[in-house]
Amino acid sequence: MREVSTNPKPSNKTSSSGNGSAFAKRRLRIWMGFMVLFLSWAGYTFISQAGEIGSKSQELAERQAAKAASEQSLNQLKYEIDRLNDPEYIGQIAMKKYGLYKPGEIPVRVSESEAGND
């Protein structure tokens, strides 16, 4: 068993030790208050930026679709330019639209009513 001394040691603890515990609690409360404020600010920032990111990503998708459409249109125009630089294609257009033929050529025209009588 333990021996109990009858002569208690004088305590070196003074009234400041009580203040130390109160100071630690105060420091903890201040730290917790700061953490609550910081986490509130971080949550607000996260939510507001998430909304902005959503709207920006939607705008990006719209612009990418518009870009794809304009690129397709550009490719069609480039193809048409290449065809228009071909003299044979120009001759075909002249024959179809304007009825122009090369010298010595005899145009053969088939009417739709005769083509159906085969």
Protein backbone atom coordinates (compact mmCIF):
# COMPACT_ATOMS: atom_id res chain seq x y z
CA MET A 1 0.00 0.00 0.00
CA ARG A 2 0.84 3.59 -0.35
CA GLU A 3 2.16 5.59 2.44
CA VAL A 4 0.48 8.81 3.12
CA SER A 5 2.70 11.50 4.42
CA THR A 6 1.43 13.61 7.19
CA ASN A 7 3.66 16.44 6.23
CA PRO A 8 2.17 17.91 3.08
CA LYS A 9 4.58 19.65 0.75
CA PRO A 10 4.01 23.31 0.38
CA SER A 11 2.36 24.06 -2.91
CA ASN A 12 4.27 26.22 -5.36
CA LYS A 13 1.02 26.92 -7.15
CA THR A 14 -0.15 30.42 -6.63
CA SER A 15 -3.18 32.24 -7.84
CA SER A 16 -1.52 32.57 -11.26
CA SER A 17 -2.10 28.86 -11.97
CA GLY A 18 -5.83 29.50 -11.90
CA ASN A 19 -5.29 32.29 -14.40
CA GLY A 20 -3.27 29.95 -16.62
CA SER A 21 -6.22 27.63 -16.98
CA ALA A 22 -8.53 30.56 -17.71
CA PHE A 23 -6.00 31.93 -20.18
CA ALA A 24 -5.84 28.56 -21.96
CA LYS A 25 -9.63 28.47 -22.22
CA ARG A 26 -9.69 32.01 -23.55
CA ARG A 27 -6.98 31.19 -26.08
CA LEU A 28 -8.95 28.11 -27.17
CA ARG A 29 -12.14 30.17 -27.58
CA ILE A 30 -10.32 32.78 -29.66
CA TRP A 31 -8.77 30.06 -31.82
CA MET A 32 -12.15 28.35 -32.29
CA GLY A 33 -13.76 31.68 -33.20
CA PHE A 34 -11.05 32.32 -35.74
CA MET A 35 -11.50 28.82 -37.20
CA VAL A 36 -15.27 29.28 -37.45
CA LEU A 37 -14.80 32.58 -39.27
CA PHE A 38 -12.17 31.10 -41.58
CA LEU A 39 -14.25 28.03 -42.43
CA SER A 40 -17.33 30.20 -43.02
CA TRP A 41 -15.36 32.39 -45.43
CA ALA A 42 -13.90 29.32 -47.17
CA GLY A 43 -17.36 27.74 -47.56
CA TYR A 44 -18.85 30.94 -48.95
CA THR A 45 -15.96 31.31 -51.42
CA PHE A 46 -16.28 27.68 -52.52
CA ILE A 47 -20.03 27.94 -53.14
CA SER A 48 -19.78 31.24 -55.03
CA GLN A 49 -16.91 29.97 -57.19
CA ALA A 50 -18.74 26.71 -57.91
CA GLY A 51 -21.66 28.74 -59.30
CA GLU A 52 -19.34 30.85 -61.43
CA ILE A 53 -17.57 27.77 -62.74
CA GLY A 54 -20.90 26.26 -63.75
CA SER A 55 -21.95 29.33 -65.70
CA LYS A 56 -18.52 29.67 -67.31
CA SER A 57 -18.48 26.01 -68.37
CA GLN A 58 -21.92 26.43 -69.97
CA GLU A 59 -20.68 29.52 -71.81
CA LEU A 60 -17.59 27.59 -72.92
CA ALA A 61 -19.73 24.76 -74.30
CA GLU A 62 -21.84 27.25 -76.27
CA ARG A 63 -18.76 28.92 -77.71
CA GLN A 64 -17.20 25.59 -78.63
CA ALA A 65 -20.38 24.62 -80.47
CA ALA A 66 -20.36 27.95 -82.31
CA LYS A 67 -16.68 27.45 -83.16
CA ALA A 68 -17.36 23.96 -84.53
CA ALA A 69 -20.20 25.30 -86.68
CA SER A 70 -18.05 28.13 -88.03
CA GLU A 71 -15.17 25.73 -88.75
CA GLN A 72 -17.55 23.46 -90.66
CA SER A 73 -18.80 26.43 -92.65
CA LEU A 74 -15.21 27.51 -93.32
CA ASN A 75 -14.28 24.03 -94.55
CA GLN A 76 -17.29 24.01 -96.91
CA LEU A 77 -16.29 27.40 -98.30
CA LYS A 78 -12.69 26.27 -98.80
CA TYR A 79 -13.93 23.19 -100.64
CA GLU A 80 -16.13 25.35 -102.84
CA ILE A 81 -13.18 27.67 -103.59
CA ASP A 82 -11.04 24.69 -104.59
CA ARG A 83 -13.79 23.47 -106.91
CA LEU A 84 -14.24 26.93 -108.43
CA ASN A 85 -10.51 27.03 -109.25
CA ASP A 86 -11.01 23.90 -111.40
CA PRO A 87 -11.77 24.83 -115.05
CA GLU A 88 -13.81 21.67 -115.61
CA TYR A 89 -16.15 22.52 -112.72
CA ILE A 90 -16.59 26.05 -114.06
CA GLY A 91 -17.53 24.55 -117.43
CA GLN A 92 -20.14 22.35 -115.76
CA ILE A 93 -21.65 25.34 -113.98
CA ALA A 94 -21.74 27.32 -117.23
CA MET A 95 -23.57 24.45 -118.95
CA LYS A 96 -26.13 23.91 -116.20
CA LYS A 97 -26.93 27.48 -115.20
CA TYR A 98 -26.39 29.45 -118.37
CA GLY A 99 -26.74 26.89 -121.17
CA LEU A 100 -23.25 27.60 -122.53
CA TYR A 101 -21.47 24.83 -124.43
CA LYS A 102 -18.04 24.40 -125.95
CA PRO A 103 -17.73 25.09 -129.67
CA GLY A 104 -18.67 22.01 -131.69
CA GLU A 105 -20.62 20.38 -128.84
CA ILE A 106 -24.20 19.36 -129.47
CA PRO A 107 -26.38 19.65 -126.39
CA VAL A 108 -28.57 16.66 -125.68
CA ARG A 109 -31.64 17.48 -123.62
CA VAL A 110 -33.91 14.85 -122.23
CA SER A 111 -37.33 15.92 -121.13
CA GLU A 112 -38.78 14.32 -118.02
CA SER A 113 -41.90 13.01 -119.78
CA GLU A 114 -39.83 11.01 -122.29
CA ALA A 115 -37.50 9.62 -119.65
CA GLY A 116 -40.41 8.03 -117.79
CA ASN A 117 -41.60 6.04 -120.87
CA ASP A 118 -38.82 3.43 -120.88
